Amino acid sequence: MPAVIRKLVTLLDETRREMRRDLPRPVRRAVACAVIENPFAGRYEEDLGLLVEQGAELGALLAARAIAALGIPGEQVESFGKAAVVGEAGELEHAAALLHPKMGAPVRAALGKGPALIPSAKKSGGPGTAIDVPLGHKDAAFVRSHFDAIEARVPDAPRADEILLCLALTDGGRPWPRIGGLGKAEIEGRDGLR
């Protein structure tokens, strides 16, 4: 059964200047969000397979929306992250079912690759609950310049019987990174770490 979507929201954040210095190019971060009905709200269910399948469906949808917001081909996306807020009639495992088993594959397909683990966060909350979507480089987790987060919030979601699912994609790392670590140009792309 496909996800029942009440609302889709996309946010585009573009940083052009940091510490009174113009960036060589703006850094753009997009967060695509879906507010869906939680089919297991208010009851314990042992088999969360339905949410696992919806995670795959929504991963493809949200990746397409975030890529479109960035205005670049998927292959040019540099970092990614995902998060979910479960309404009070649900449980954290409902968020985990959406986020973990199958959501990553369609996101990676839309990006052309992305062997690094997709950073994630989950929490419970009511309408307007904010969540920080963690970000990391899609090809190499040790690229420190891309350790970041972006806040997502939908004012009227999640309702008690809903889940807010978010996917964040960027076209760059933090402005003016200078704390060392693996540089973007040094990525080997073999294991998702380096």
N, C-alpha and C. Protein backbone atom coordinates (compact mmCIF):
# COMPACT_ATOMS: atom_id res chain seq x y z
N MET A 1 0.85 -1.19 0.00
CA MET A 1 0.00 0.00 0.00
C MET A 1 0.89 1.24 0.00
N PRO A 2 0.70 2.13 -0.96
CA PRO A 2 1.51 3.36 -1.01
C PRO A 2 1.25 4.24 0.21
N ALA A 3 2.22 5.08 0.51
CA ALA A 3 2.07 6.04 1.60
C ALA A 3 0.92 6.99 1.29
N VAL A 4 0.16 7.33 2.33
CA VAL A 4 -0.88 8.34 2.20
C VAL A 4 -0.25 9.67 2.61
N ILE A 5 -0.02 10.53 1.63
CA ILE A 5 0.69 11.79 1.85
C ILE A 5 -0.32 12.92 2.03
N ARG A 6 -0.24 13.60 3.17
CA ARG A 6 -1.09 14.77 3.39
C ARG A 6 -0.44 16.02 2.82
N LYS A 7 0.87 16.10 2.90
CA LYS A 7 1.54 17.34 2.52
C LYS A 7 2.97 17.07 2.12
N LEU A 8 3.46 17.83 1.13
CA LEU A 8 4.87 17.84 0.75
C LEU A 8 5.39 19.26 0.93
N VAL A 9 6.57 19.38 1.51
CA VAL A 9 7.19 20.69 1.75
C VAL A 9 8.65 20.60 1.34
N THR A 10 9.14 21.60 0.61
CA THR A 10 10.54 21.64 0.23
C THR A 10 11.12 22.99 0.63
N LEU A 11 12.28 22.93 1.28
CA LEU A 11 12.98 24.13 1.74
C LEU A 11 14.31 24.22 1.01
N LEU A 12 14.66 25.41 0.54
CA LEU A 12 15.96 25.63 -0.08
C LEU A 12 16.69 26.71 0.72
N ASP A 13 17.88 26.37 1.18
CA ASP A 13 18.73 27.29 1.95
C ASP A 13 19.96 27.58 1.09
N GLU A 14 20.25 28.85 0.86
CA GLU A 14 21.39 29.23 0.02
C GLU A 14 22.26 30.23 0.77
N THR A 15 23.49 29.83 1.08
CA THR A 15 24.42 30.71 1.78
C THR A 15 25.37 31.32 0.76
N ARG A 16 25.41 32.66 0.72
CA ARG A 16 26.25 33.38 -0.23
C ARG A 16 27.43 34.07 0.45
N ARG A 17 27.30 34.31 1.74
CA ARG A 17 28.30 35.10 2.45
C ARG A 17 28.42 34.56 3.87
N GLU A 18 29.63 34.46 4.38
CA GLU A 18 29.87 33.98 5.74
C GLU A 18 31.05 34.76 6.31
N MET A 19 30.94 35.22 7.54
CA MET A 19 31.99 36.00 8.20
C MET A 19 32.41 37.21 7.36
N ARG A 20 31.41 37.87 6.80
CA ARG A 20 31.61 39.07 5.99
C ARG A 20 32.47 38.85 4.76
N ARG A 21 32.49 37.59 4.30
CA ARG A 21 33.27 37.24 3.10
C ARG A 21 32.34 36.55 2.12
N ASP A 22 32.36 37.01 0.86
CA ASP A 22 31.58 36.34 -0.18
C ASP A 22 32.18 34.97 -0.46
N LEU A 23 31.32 33.99 -0.61
CA LEU A 23 31.79 32.65 -0.96
C LEU A 23 32.14 32.61 -2.45
N PRO A 24 33.07 31.74 -2.87
CA PRO A 24 33.37 31.62 -4.30
C PRO A 24 32.14 31.23 -5.11
N ARG A 25 31.28 30.42 -4.50
CA ARG A 25 29.98 30.08 -5.08
C ARG A 25 29.04 29.82 -3.91
N PRO A 26 27.75 30.10 -4.08
CA PRO A 26 26.82 29.83 -2.99
C PRO A 26 26.78 28.34 -2.65
N VAL A 27 26.53 28.03 -1.38
CA VAL A 27 26.31 26.66 -0.94
C VAL A 27 24.81 26.50 -0.76
N ARG A 28 24.26 25.52 -1.46
CA ARG A 28 22.81 25.30 -1.42
C ARG A 28 22.51 23.99 -0.72
N ARG A 29 21.50 24.05 0.17
CA ARG A 29 21.04 22.86 0.89
C ARG A 29 19.52 22.80 0.73
N ALA A 30 19.02 21.64 0.35
CA ALA A 30 17.58 21.46 0.16
C ALA A 30 17.09 20.36 1.11
N VAL A 31 15.92 20.60 1.67
CA VAL A 31 15.26 19.57 2.49
C VAL A 31 13.88 19.35 1.90
N ALA A 32 13.62 18.11 1.50
CA ALA A 32 12.29 17.73 1.00
C ALA A 32 11.61 16.90 2.09
N CYS A 33 10.37 17.26 2.41
CA CYS A 33 9.64 16.62 3.51
C CYS A 33 8.31 16.07 3.02
N ALA A 34 7.92 14.94 3.58
CA ALA A 34 6.60 14.37 3.33
C ALA A 34 5.92 14.14 4.67
N VAL A 35 4.69 14.56 4.77
CA VAL A 35 3.87 14.30 5.95
C VAL A 35 2.91 13.18 5.57
N ILE A 36 3.08 12.03 6.22
CA ILE A 36 2.29 10.86 5.83
C ILE A 36 1.46 10.35 7.01
N GLU A 37 0.40 9.63 6.66
CA GLU A 37 -0.37 8.92 7.69
C GLU A 37 0.47 7.79 8.23
N ASN A 38 0.43 7.60 9.55
CA ASN A 38 1.11 6.47 10.16
C ASN A 38 0.11 5.31 10.24
N PRO A 39 0.30 4.26 9.44
CA PRO A 39 -0.68 3.17 9.42
C PRO A 39 -0.73 2.38 10.73
N PHE A 40 0.26 2.57 11.60
CA PHE A 40 0.31 1.84 12.86
C PHE A 40 0.09 2.74 14.07
N ALA A 41 -0.42 3.94 13.85
CA ALA A 41 -0.66 4.86 14.96
C ALA A 41 -1.63 4.24 15.96
N GLY A 42 -1.29 4.35 17.22
CA GLY A 42 -2.19 3.92 18.28
C GLY A 42 -2.19 2.45 18.60
N ARG A 43 -1.32 1.67 17.92
CA ARG A 43 -1.29 0.24 18.20
C ARG A 43 0.10 -0.33 17.94
N TYR A 44 0.41 -1.38 18.67
CA TYR A 44 1.67 -2.08 18.45
C TYR A 44 1.51 -3.05 17.31
N GLU A 45 2.47 -3.04 16.39
CA GLU A 45 2.46 -3.97 15.26
C GLU A 45 3.85 -4.58 15.16
N GLU A 46 3.91 -5.90 15.17
CA GLU A 46 5.20 -6.59 15.10
C GLU A 46 5.85 -6.41 13.73
N ASP A 47 5.08 -6.52 12.67
CA ASP A 47 5.61 -6.47 11.31
C ASP A 47 5.48 -5.05 10.75
N LEU A 48 6.60 -4.37 10.60
CA LEU A 48 6.59 -2.99 10.10
C LEU A 48 6.95 -2.92 8.61
N GLY A 49 6.77 -4.03 7.91
CA GLY A 49 7.11 -4.12 6.49
C GLY A 49 6.45 -3.06 5.62
N LEU A 50 5.23 -2.69 5.97
CA LEU A 50 4.53 -1.67 5.18
C LEU A 50 5.30 -0.35 5.22
N LEU A 51 5.76 0.07 6.39
CA LEU A 51 6.55 1.31 6.48
C LEU A 51 7.90 1.17 5.80
N VAL A 52 8.50 -0.01 5.85
CA VAL A 52 9.77 -0.24 5.16
C VAL A 52 9.59 0.02 3.66
N GLU A 53 8.54 -0.54 3.08
CA GLU A 53 8.27 -0.34 1.65
C GLU A 53 7.94 1.12 1.34
N GLN A 54 7.20 1.77 2.23
CA GLN A 54 6.90 3.19 2.03
C GLN A 54 8.18 4.03 2.09
N GLY A 55 9.15 3.60 2.90
CA GLY A 55 10.43 4.31 2.95
C GLY A 55 11.12 4.31 1.60
N ALA A 56 11.07 3.20 0.89
CA ALA A 56 11.66 3.14 -0.45
C ALA A 56 10.92 4.07 -1.41
N GLU A 57 9.61 4.01 -1.37
CA GLU A 57 8.77 4.87 -2.23
C GLU A 57 9.07 6.34 -1.96
N LEU A 58 9.11 6.71 -0.69
CA LEU A 58 9.31 8.11 -0.32
C LEU A 58 10.75 8.56 -0.54
N GLY A 59 11.70 7.65 -0.43
CA GLY A 59 13.09 7.99 -0.72
C GLY A 59 13.24 8.49 -2.14
N ALA A 60 12.62 7.79 -3.08
CA ALA A 60 12.67 8.20 -4.49
C ALA A 60 11.99 9.55 -4.70
N LEU A 61 10.81 9.71 -4.12
CA LEU A 61 10.06 10.96 -4.27
C LEU A 61 10.81 12.15 -3.68
N LEU A 62 11.30 12.00 -2.46
CA LEU A 62 11.97 13.12 -1.79
C LEU A 62 13.31 13.44 -2.45
N ALA A 63 14.02 12.42 -2.93
CA ALA A 63 15.28 12.68 -3.64
C ALA A 63 15.02 13.50 -4.90
N ALA A 64 14.00 13.14 -5.65
CA ALA A 64 13.68 13.89 -6.87
C ALA A 64 13.32 15.34 -6.55
N ARG A 65 12.56 15.56 -5.50
CA ARG A 65 12.17 16.92 -5.12
C ARG A 65 13.35 17.75 -4.64
N ALA A 66 14.23 17.14 -3.83
CA ALA A 66 15.40 17.88 -3.32
C ALA A 66 16.38 18.19 -4.45
N ILE A 67 16.60 17.25 -5.35
CA ILE A 67 17.48 17.49 -6.50
C ILE A 67 16.92 18.63 -7.36
N ALA A 68 15.62 18.60 -7.59
CA ALA A 68 14.99 19.67 -8.38
C ALA A 68 15.16 21.02 -7.70
N ALA A 69 15.03 21.06 -6.38
CA ALA A 69 15.20 22.33 -5.65
C ALA A 69 16.63 22.85 -5.77
N LEU A 70 17.60 21.95 -5.74
CA LEU A 70 18.99 22.36 -5.89
C LEU A 70 19.29 22.84 -7.31
N GLY A 71 18.54 22.32 -8.28
CA GLY A 71 18.73 22.73 -9.67
C GLY A 71 20.00 22.17 -10.30
N ILE A 72 20.43 21.00 -9.86
CA ILE A 72 21.63 20.37 -10.40
C ILE A 72 21.31 18.90 -10.72
N PRO A 73 22.14 18.25 -11.53
CA PRO A 73 21.96 16.81 -11.72
C PRO A 73 22.26 16.07 -10.41
N GLY A 74 21.61 14.95 -10.21
CA GLY A 74 21.81 14.18 -8.99
C GLY A 74 23.27 13.83 -8.73
N GLU A 75 24.04 13.60 -9.79
CA GLU A 75 25.45 13.24 -9.64
C GLU A 75 26.27 14.35 -9.01
N GLN A 76 25.79 15.60 -9.05
CA GLN A 76 26.52 16.72 -8.48
C GLN A 76 26.20 16.97 -7.01
N VAL A 77 25.24 16.23 -6.45
CA VAL A 77 24.95 16.35 -5.02
C VAL A 77 26.18 15.90 -4.25
N GLU A 78 26.52 16.63 -3.19
CA GLU A 78 27.71 16.29 -2.41
C GLU A 78 27.40 15.62 -1.07
N SER A 79 26.36 16.05 -0.39
CA SER A 79 26.08 15.42 0.91
C SER A 79 24.61 15.15 1.06
N PHE A 80 24.32 14.27 2.04
CA PHE A 80 22.94 13.86 2.27
C PHE A 80 22.70 13.55 3.74
N GLY A 81 21.40 13.51 4.09
CA GLY A 81 20.98 13.15 5.44
C GLY A 81 19.48 12.94 5.43
N LYS A 82 18.99 12.23 6.45
CA LYS A 82 17.56 11.94 6.52
C LYS A 82 17.12 11.99 7.98
N ALA A 83 15.82 12.24 8.19
CA ALA A 83 15.29 12.33 9.55
C ALA A 83 13.78 12.14 9.53
N ALA A 84 13.24 11.83 10.70
CA ALA A 84 11.79 11.67 10.81
C ALA A 84 11.33 12.09 12.21
N VAL A 85 10.13 12.65 12.25
CA VAL A 85 9.46 12.96 13.51
C VAL A 85 8.15 12.19 13.52
N VAL A 86 7.97 11.36 14.55
CA VAL A 86 6.77 10.53 14.68
C VAL A 86 5.79 11.23 15.61
N GLY A 87 4.53 11.31 15.20
CA GLY A 87 3.50 11.88 16.06
C GLY A 87 3.28 11.04 17.30
N GLU A 88 2.61 11.61 18.30
CA GLU A 88 2.53 10.99 19.62
C GLU A 88 1.81 9.65 19.67
N ALA A 89 1.03 9.30 18.66
CA ALA A 89 0.37 7.99 18.65
C ALA A 89 1.24 6.91 18.00
N GLY A 90 2.46 7.29 17.61
CA GLY A 90 3.38 6.34 17.01
C GLY A 90 4.55 6.07 17.92
N GLU A 91 5.54 5.35 17.40
CA GLU A 91 6.75 5.02 18.17
C GLU A 91 7.98 5.23 17.29
N LEU A 92 9.13 5.36 17.94
CA LEU A 92 10.36 5.61 17.20
C LEU A 92 10.66 4.53 16.17
N GLU A 93 10.25 3.30 16.45
CA GLU A 93 10.51 2.22 15.51
C GLU A 93 9.79 2.44 14.18
N HIS A 94 8.70 3.19 14.20
CA HIS A 94 8.01 3.54 12.95
C HIS A 94 8.92 4.42 12.09
N ALA A 95 9.61 5.37 12.73
CA ALA A 95 10.56 6.21 11.99
C ALA A 95 11.71 5.37 11.46
N ALA A 96 12.20 4.45 12.30
CA ALA A 96 13.31 3.59 11.88
C ALA A 96 12.92 2.74 10.67
N ALA A 97 11.70 2.26 10.66
CA ALA A 97 11.24 1.44 9.53
C ALA A 97 11.24 2.25 8.23
N LEU A 98 10.86 3.51 8.30
CA LEU A 98 10.89 4.36 7.10
C LEU A 98 12.32 4.68 6.67
N LEU A 99 13.17 5.00 7.64
CA LEU A 99 14.49 5.54 7.35
C LEU A 99 15.55 4.52 6.95
N HIS A 100 15.52 3.32 7.53
CA HIS A 100 16.71 2.48 7.44
C HIS A 100 16.71 1.33 6.42
N PRO A 101 15.77 0.41 6.44
CA PRO A 101 16.00 -0.76 5.58
C PRO A 101 16.07 -0.47 4.09
N LYS A 102 15.19 0.41 3.55
CA LYS A 102 15.11 0.55 2.09
C LYS A 102 15.13 1.97 1.55
N MET A 103 15.08 2.97 2.38
CA MET A 103 15.02 4.34 1.88
C MET A 103 16.29 4.75 1.14
N GLY A 104 17.44 4.25 1.57
CA GLY A 104 18.71 4.68 0.99
C GLY A 104 18.92 4.28 -0.46
N ALA A 105 18.47 3.11 -0.86
CA ALA A 105 18.73 2.63 -2.22
C ALA A 105 18.18 3.57 -3.30
N PRO A 106 16.92 4.02 -3.22
CA PRO A 106 16.45 4.93 -4.26
C PRO A 106 17.10 6.31 -4.20
N VAL A 107 17.52 6.72 -3.01
CA VAL A 107 18.24 8.00 -2.90
C VAL A 107 19.58 7.88 -3.62
N ARG A 108 20.32 6.81 -3.35
CA ARG A 108 21.61 6.60 -4.02
C ARG A 108 21.44 6.47 -5.54
N ALA A 109 20.38 5.80 -5.96
CA ALA A 109 20.12 5.66 -7.40
C ALA A 109 19.92 7.03 -8.04
N ALA A 110 19.22 7.91 -7.36
CA ALA A 110 18.98 9.26 -7.90
C ALA A 110 20.26 10.09 -7.96
N LEU A 111 21.24 9.73 -7.10
CA LEU A 111 22.49 10.48 -7.04
C LEU A 111 23.59 9.86 -7.91
N GLY A 112 23.32 8.69 -8.46
CA GLY A 112 24.31 8.02 -9.27
C GLY A 112 25.28 7.18 -8.47
N LYS A 113 25.45 7.49 -7.21
CA LYS A 113 26.21 6.69 -6.26
C LYS A 113 25.94 7.25 -4.87
N GLY A 114 26.84 7.03 -3.96
CA GLY A 114 26.65 7.48 -2.59
C GLY A 114 26.87 6.34 -1.63
N PRO A 115 28.09 5.77 -1.60
CA PRO A 115 28.33 4.59 -0.78
C PRO A 115 28.40 4.84 0.73
N ALA A 116 28.53 6.09 1.16
CA ALA A 116 28.60 6.38 2.60
C ALA A 116 27.23 6.13 3.24
N LEU A 117 27.27 5.82 4.53
CA LEU A 117 26.01 5.72 5.27
C LEU A 117 25.33 7.07 5.26
N ILE A 118 24.01 7.07 5.12
CA ILE A 118 23.25 8.33 5.16
C ILE A 118 23.00 8.66 6.62
N PRO A 119 23.55 9.78 7.13
CA PRO A 119 23.31 10.13 8.52
C PRO A 119 21.82 10.30 8.77
N SER A 120 21.37 9.95 9.98
CA SER A 120 19.94 10.03 10.25
C SER A 120 19.66 10.44 11.67
N ALA A 121 18.44 10.91 11.88
CA ALA A 121 17.95 11.27 13.21
C ALA A 121 16.46 10.99 13.27
N LYS A 122 15.98 10.72 14.47
CA LYS A 122 14.54 10.49 14.65
C LYS A 122 14.14 10.94 16.03
N LYS A 123 12.87 11.33 16.16
CA LYS A 123 12.34 11.74 17.45
C LYS A 123 10.83 11.70 17.40
N SER A 124 10.22 11.82 18.55
CA SER A 124 8.76 11.94 18.66
C SER A 124 8.42 13.39 18.92
N GLY A 125 7.26 13.82 18.47
CA GLY A 125 6.85 15.20 18.72
C GLY A 125 5.53 15.51 18.05
N GLY A 126 5.02 16.67 18.37
CA GLY A 126 3.75 17.12 17.83
C GLY A 126 3.93 18.14 16.72
N PRO A 127 2.84 18.76 16.30
CA PRO A 127 2.91 19.73 15.21
C PRO A 127 3.93 20.83 15.48
N GLY A 128 4.75 21.10 14.48
CA GLY A 128 5.75 22.15 14.58
C GLY A 128 7.07 21.70 15.18
N THR A 129 7.19 20.45 15.57
CA THR A 129 8.45 19.97 16.13
C THR A 129 9.56 20.09 15.09
N ALA A 130 10.66 20.70 15.50
CA ALA A 130 11.81 20.84 14.60
C ALA A 130 12.74 19.65 14.81
N ILE A 131 13.44 19.29 13.74
CA ILE A 131 14.46 18.25 13.83
C ILE A 131 15.66 18.68 13.01
N ASP A 132 16.85 18.44 13.55
CA ASP A 132 18.08 18.70 12.82
C ASP A 132 18.40 17.48 11.98
N VAL A 133 18.44 17.67 10.67
CA VAL A 133 18.78 16.58 9.75
C VAL A 133 20.30 16.58 9.62
N PRO A 134 20.97 15.52 10.10
CA PRO A 134 22.43 15.50 10.01
C PRO A 134 22.88 15.30 8.56
N LEU A 135 24.02 15.87 8.23
CA LEU A 135 24.55 15.79 6.87
C LEU A 135 25.96 15.22 6.87
N GLY A 136 26.28 14.45 5.85
CA GLY A 136 27.62 13.94 5.63
C GLY A 136 27.84 13.75 4.14
N HIS A 137 29.11 13.73 3.73
CA HIS A 137 29.43 13.56 2.31
C HIS A 137 28.89 12.21 1.83
N LYS A 138 28.33 12.19 0.64
CA LYS A 138 27.68 10.97 0.14
C LYS A 138 28.66 9.88 -0.28
N ASP A 139 29.87 10.25 -0.59
CA ASP A 139 30.83 9.26 -1.09
C ASP A 139 31.88 8.84 -0.06
N ALA A 140 32.12 9.67 0.94
CA ALA A 140 33.16 9.37 1.92
C ALA A 140 32.82 10.01 3.26
N ALA A 141 32.51 9.18 4.23
CA ALA A 141 32.06 9.67 5.53
C ALA A 141 33.11 10.49 6.27
N PHE A 142 34.40 10.33 5.94
CA PHE A 142 35.45 11.03 6.67
C PHE A 142 35.74 12.44 6.16
N VAL A 143 34.94 12.95 5.24
CA VAL A 143 35.15 14.30 4.72
C VAL A 143 34.54 15.29 5.71
N ARG A 144 35.38 15.85 6.58
CA ARG A 144 34.90 16.71 7.68
C ARG A 144 34.22 17.99 7.21
N SER A 145 34.61 18.49 6.04
CA SER A 145 34.03 19.75 5.54
C SER A 145 32.52 19.64 5.32
N HIS A 146 32.01 18.41 5.28
CA HIS A 146 30.59 18.20 5.01
C HIS A 146 29.82 17.72 6.24
N PHE A 147 30.49 17.67 7.42
CA PHE A 147 29.77 17.37 8.67
C PHE A 147 28.94 18.60 8.98
N ASP A 148 27.63 18.46 8.96
CA ASP A 148 26.75 19.62 9.12
C ASP A 148 25.36 19.12 9.50
N ALA A 149 24.41 20.02 9.57
CA ALA A 149 23.01 19.68 9.80
C ALA A 149 22.17 20.84 9.29
N ILE A 150 20.92 20.54 8.99
CA ILE A 150 19.97 21.57 8.60
C ILE A 150 18.65 21.28 9.31
N GLU A 151 18.06 22.31 9.85
CA GLU A 151 16.80 22.14 10.58
C GLU A 151 15.62 22.03 9.62
N ALA A 152 14.71 21.12 9.95
CA ALA A 152 13.47 20.97 9.19
C ALA A 152 12.30 21.06 10.16
N ARG A 153 11.23 21.68 9.71
CA ARG A 153 10.04 21.82 10.53
C ARG A 153 8.86 22.13 9.62
N VAL A 154 7.73 21.49 9.90
CA VAL A 154 6.48 21.79 9.20
C VAL A 154 5.50 22.23 10.28
N PRO A 155 5.00 23.46 10.23
CA PRO A 155 4.22 24.00 11.34
C PRO A 155 3.04 23.15 11.81
N ASP A 156 2.37 22.45 10.90
CA ASP A 156 1.18 21.69 11.33
C ASP A 156 1.42 20.18 11.30
N ALA A 157 2.67 19.77 11.43
CA ALA A 157 2.97 18.33 11.37
C ALA A 157 4.14 18.00 12.30
N PRO A 158 4.19 16.76 12.77
CA PRO A 158 3.21 15.69 12.53
C PRO A 158 2.05 15.76 13.52
N ARG A 159 0.87 15.47 13.04
CA ARG A 159 -0.26 15.26 13.92
C ARG A 159 -0.05 13.92 14.62
N ALA A 160 -0.87 13.61 15.60
CA ALA A 160 -0.67 12.41 16.42
C ALA A 160 -0.53 11.14 15.58
N ASP A 161 -1.30 11.05 14.50
CA ASP A 161 -1.31 9.83 13.69
C ASP A 161 -0.50 9.97 12.40
N GLU A 162 0.52 10.84 12.43
CA GLU A 162 1.33 11.09 11.24
C GLU A 162 2.81 10.91 11.53
N ILE A 163 3.58 10.89 10.45
CA ILE A 163 5.04 10.91 10.50
C ILE A 163 5.52 11.97 9.52
N LEU A 164 6.46 12.78 9.95
CA LEU A 164 7.14 13.75 9.09
C LEU A 164 8.47 13.13 8.68
N LEU A 165 8.66 12.90 7.39
CA LEU A 165 9.88 12.29 6.86
C LEU A 165 10.63 13.33 6.05
N CYS A 166 11.93 13.48 6.30
CA CYS A 166 12.74 14.51 5.64
C CYS A 166 13.99 13.92 5.00
N LEU A 167 14.34 14.44 3.84
CA LEU A 167 15.60 14.11 3.17
C LEU A 167 16.29 15.41 2.81
N ALA A 168 17.55 15.55 3.21
CA ALA A 168 18.33 16.74 2.90
C ALA A 168 19.46 16.39 1.94
N LEU A 169 19.66 17.24 0.94
CA LEU A 169 20.75 17.09 -0.02
C LEU A 169 21.43 18.45 -0.18
N THR A 170 22.74 18.45 -0.45
CA THR A 170 23.45 19.71 -0.63
C THR A 170 24.34 19.66 -1.87
N ASP A 171 24.76 20.85 -2.29
CA ASP A 171 25.72 20.92 -3.40
C ASP A 171 27.11 21.33 -2.91
N GLY A 172 27.31 21.30 -1.58
CA GLY A 172 28.61 21.65 -1.03
C GLY A 172 28.64 21.43 0.47
N GLY A 173 29.80 21.68 1.05
CA GLY A 173 29.96 21.54 2.50
C GLY A 173 29.77 22.87 3.21
N ARG A 174 30.31 22.97 4.41
CA ARG A 174 30.22 24.21 5.18
C ARG A 174 31.02 25.31 4.50
N PRO A 175 30.59 26.57 4.67
CA PRO A 175 31.40 27.67 4.17
C PRO A 175 32.74 27.72 4.91
N TRP A 176 33.80 27.93 4.19
CA TRP A 176 35.15 28.13 4.74
C TRP A 176 35.60 27.01 5.67
N PRO A 177 35.50 25.74 5.28
CA PRO A 177 35.96 24.66 6.16
C PRO A 177 37.48 24.71 6.31
N ARG A 178 37.96 24.50 7.54
CA ARG A 178 39.41 24.56 7.76
C ARG A 178 39.84 23.80 9.03
N ILE A 179 39.19 22.65 9.27
CA ILE A 179 39.57 21.86 10.45
C ILE A 179 40.30 20.58 10.06
N GLY A 180 40.74 20.49 8.83
CA GLY A 180 41.52 19.34 8.39
C GLY A 180 40.66 18.15 8.03
N GLY A 181 41.29 16.99 8.01
CA GLY A 181 40.60 15.77 7.63
C GLY A 181 40.70 15.52 6.14
N LEU A 182 40.02 14.51 5.70
CA LEU A 182 40.02 14.13 4.30
C LEU A 182 39.37 15.23 3.46
N GLY A 183 40.07 15.68 2.44
CA GLY A 183 39.53 16.70 1.55
C GLY A 183 38.69 16.08 0.44
N LYS A 184 37.80 16.86 -0.11
CA LYS A 184 36.94 16.38 -1.20
C LYS A 184 37.75 15.81 -2.36
N ALA A 185 38.84 16.45 -2.68
CA ALA A 185 39.68 16.01 -3.80
C ALA A 185 40.42 14.71 -3.50
N GLU A 186 40.46 14.29 -2.23
CA GLU A 186 41.18 13.08 -1.83
C GLU A 186 40.28 11.84 -1.72
N ILE A 187 39.00 11.99 -2.04
CA ILE A 187 38.07 10.86 -1.91
C ILE A 187 38.47 9.74 -2.85
N GLU A 188 38.58 8.54 -2.31
CA GLU A 188 38.87 7.35 -3.11
C GLU A 188 37.57 6.68 -3.58
N GLY A 189 36.51 6.78 -2.78
CA GLY A 189 35.22 6.24 -3.16
C GLY A 189 35.11 4.74 -3.17
N ARG A 190 35.96 4.07 -2.38
CA ARG A 190 35.92 2.59 -2.38
C ARG A 190 34.97 2.01 -1.35
N ASP A 191 35.00 2.54 -0.14
CA ASP A 191 34.28 1.89 0.96
C ASP A 191 33.24 2.75 1.65
N GLY A 192 33.00 3.94 1.16
CA GLY A 192 32.07 4.85 1.81
C GLY A 192 32.67 5.60 2.98
N LEU A 193 33.91 5.32 3.31
CA LEU A 193 34.58 6.00 4.41
C LEU A 193 35.60 7.01 3.91
N ARG A 194 36.40 6.61 2.94
CA ARG A 194 37.49 7.48 2.44
C ARG A 194 37.35 7.75 0.96
